[in-house]
Amino acid sequence: MSPALRRALYAAFGLLWLTGCAWLVLHYFFRTAGEFGPTPHPWEPGVLTVHGIVAMLALFLFGWVSGGHIGPNWRPRLRRTSGIWLTSLLGALVITGIANIYAPEGALHANSTLVHEVLGAAIALPLVWHFFKPRRRTPAPRD
């Protein structure tokens, strides 16, 4: 992976995580009492919009990287376990993110929101684990 692509991927995932965490903090800790009940913080819609835009960018970059990254690194077993976990978690985040937009209000929406929030906040650990885990190659097969 080229250094520019690596930086773009790190920046996209970092900004995605930061905007998601910022929205969580605003949503759960900065609500105010309004005339008709709890009122969201005024920055929530803007932060969520940036989060959605960056999510599309991150999804594009992840797809681009996956095409040239997973295949060549699969056979020599380079970070395979962390890559499988990371790809699975990112897939779950994509599915729950789509459900947060399109699922009707109710149990499915509430559950997908909870899963998205928990996985989104926790995804930083597998990302760091995969990106910075020392590379280990399997020994070359002997003839």
Protein backbone atom coordinates (compact mmCIF):
# COMPACT_ATOMS: atom_id res chain seq x y z
CA MET A 1 0.00 0.00 0.00
CA SER A 2 1.38 3.38 -0.94
CA PRO A 3 2.17 5.84 1.87
CA ALA A 4 -0.40 8.33 0.53
CA LEU A 5 -3.14 5.71 0.49
CA ARG A 6 -2.15 4.55 3.98
CA ARG A 7 -2.34 8.13 5.30
CA ALA A 8 -5.72 8.67 3.63
CA LEU A 9 -7.06 5.45 5.16
CA TYR A 10 -5.74 6.34 8.62
CA ALA A 11 -7.17 9.86 8.35
CA ALA A 12 -10.57 8.62 7.18
CA PHE A 13 -10.89 5.98 9.89
CA GLY A 14 -9.56 8.39 12.52
CA LEU A 15 -12.01 11.12 11.55
CA LEU A 16 -14.83 8.58 11.36
CA TRP A 17 -14.08 7.37 14.87
CA LEU A 18 -13.70 10.89 16.25
CA THR A 19 -16.97 12.15 14.76
CA GLY A 20 -18.78 9.05 15.99
CA CYS A 21 -17.44 9.48 19.52
CA ALA A 22 -18.19 13.23 19.42
CA TRP A 23 -21.79 12.46 18.44
CA LEU A 24 -22.07 9.91 21.28
CA VAL A 25 -20.82 12.44 23.83
CA LEU A 26 -23.12 15.18 22.53
CA HIS A 27 -26.10 12.83 22.35
CA TYR A 28 -25.78 11.26 25.79
CA PHE A 29 -24.15 13.98 27.89
CA PHE A 30 -25.14 17.35 26.43
CA ARG A 31 -28.90 17.15 26.00
CA THR A 32 -30.85 19.99 27.51
CA ALA A 33 -34.33 20.09 28.94
CA GLY A 34 -36.69 21.65 26.45
CA GLU A 35 -40.35 22.55 26.39
CA PHE A 36 -41.28 19.14 24.95
CA GLY A 37 -38.67 16.99 26.68
CA PRO A 38 -34.93 16.43 26.16
CA THR A 39 -33.55 18.53 23.31
CA PRO A 40 -30.52 17.37 21.31
CA HIS A 41 -27.38 19.45 21.31
CA PRO A 42 -27.35 21.87 18.32
CA TRP A 43 -24.11 20.35 16.97
CA GLU A 44 -25.50 16.79 16.78
CA PRO A 45 -26.94 17.02 13.24
CA GLY A 46 -23.76 18.59 11.85
CA VAL A 47 -21.46 16.06 13.48
CA LEU A 48 -23.69 13.22 12.28
CA THR A 49 -23.65 14.61 8.73
CA VAL A 50 -19.84 14.77 8.73
CA HIS A 51 -19.78 11.23 10.16
CA GLY A 52 -21.97 9.97 7.32
CA ILE A 53 -19.90 11.69 4.62
CA VAL A 54 -16.64 10.38 6.07
CA ALA A 55 -18.23 6.91 6.36
CA MET A 56 -18.78 6.87 2.58
CA LEU A 57 -15.17 7.95 2.01
CA ALA A 58 -13.87 5.32 4.45
CA LEU A 59 -16.00 2.62 2.83
CA PHE A 60 -14.62 3.56 -0.60
CA LEU A 61 -11.03 3.56 0.68
CA PHE A 62 -11.53 0.27 2.52
CA GLY A 63 -12.85 -1.34 -0.67
CA TRP A 64 -9.94 0.05 -2.67
CA VAL A 65 -7.38 -1.17 -0.16
CA SER A 66 -9.08 -4.56 0.21
CA GLY A 67 -8.77 -5.28 -3.49
CA GLY A 68 -5.00 -5.03 -3.48
CA HIS A 69 -4.26 -5.81 0.15
CA ILE A 70 -6.15 -8.89 1.31
CA GLY A 71 -5.25 -11.24 -1.55
CA PRO A 72 -1.47 -10.79 -1.54
CA ASN A 73 -1.31 -10.94 2.25
CA TRP A 74 -3.59 -13.96 2.66
CA ARG A 75 -1.21 -16.69 1.55
CA PRO A 76 1.81 -15.60 3.62
CA ARG A 77 -0.58 -15.24 6.61
CA LEU A 78 0.33 -11.61 7.26
CA ARG A 79 -1.96 -10.36 10.03
CA ARG A 80 -4.68 -12.73 8.86
CA THR A 81 -6.47 -13.15 12.19
CA SER A 82 -6.59 -9.44 12.94
CA GLY A 83 -7.64 -8.76 9.35
CA ILE A 84 -10.55 -11.19 9.56
CA TRP A 85 -11.70 -9.63 12.83
CA LEU A 86 -11.33 -6.13 11.48
CA THR A 87 -13.19 -6.89 8.24
CA SER A 88 -15.99 -8.61 10.17
CA LEU A 89 -16.37 -5.70 12.58
CA LEU A 90 -16.32 -3.17 9.76
CA GLY A 91 -18.97 -5.20 7.93
CA ALA A 92 -21.15 -5.20 11.05
CA LEU A 93 -20.69 -1.42 11.34
CA VAL A 94 -21.74 -0.92 7.72
CA ILE A 95 -24.85 -3.09 8.16
CA THR A 96 -25.89 -1.44 11.42
CA GLY A 97 -25.15 2.02 10.00
CA ILE A 98 -27.48 1.32 7.06
CA ALA A 99 -30.08 -0.06 9.48
CA ASN A 100 -29.83 3.15 11.52
CA ILE A 101 -30.84 5.10 8.44
CA TYR A 102 -33.46 2.83 6.89
CA ALA A 103 -34.90 0.60 9.63
CA PRO A 104 -38.27 1.76 10.96
CA GLU A 105 -38.42 2.99 14.54
CA GLY A 106 -38.79 0.09 16.92
CA ALA A 107 -36.80 -2.82 18.29
CA LEU A 108 -34.71 -3.40 15.14
CA HIS A 109 -33.68 0.26 14.96
CA ALA A 110 -32.94 0.47 18.69
CA ASN A 111 -30.86 -2.72 18.63
CA SER A 112 -28.93 -1.77 15.51
CA THR A 113 -28.22 1.65 17.04
CA LEU A 114 -26.87 0.09 20.23
CA VAL A 115 -24.70 -2.39 18.32
CA HIS A 116 -23.39 0.39 16.04
CA GLU A 117 -22.53 2.62 18.99
CA VAL A 118 -20.73 -0.11 20.95
CA LEU A 119 -18.83 -1.53 17.97
CA GLY A 120 -18.03 1.96 16.67
CA ALA A 121 -16.51 3.07 19.96
CA ALA A 122 -14.60 -0.21 20.36
CA ILE A 123 -13.33 -0.48 16.75
CA ALA A 124 -10.26 1.62 17.56
CA LEU A 125 -8.65 -1.32 19.38
CA PRO A 126 -8.82 -3.82 16.48
CA LEU A 127 -7.78 -1.09 14.03
CA VAL A 128 -4.68 -0.24 16.03
CA TRP A 129 -4.00 -3.96 16.60
CA HIS A 130 -4.12 -4.66 12.87
CA PHE A 131 -2.27 -1.57 11.66
CA PHE A 132 0.61 -1.75 14.11
CA LYS A 133 0.89 -5.46 14.87
CA PRO A 134 4.36 -6.72 13.95
CA ARG A 135 4.45 -8.54 10.64
CA ARG A 136 5.03 -12.25 10.89
CA ARG A 137 5.67 -14.38 7.87
CA THR A 138 5.28 -18.12 7.78
CA PRO A 139 8.40 -20.03 6.83
CA ALA A 140 8.80 -20.71 3.13
CA PRO A 141 7.77 -24.24 2.13
CA ARG A 142 10.68 -26.64 1.68
CA ASP A 143 11.03 -28.68 -1.48
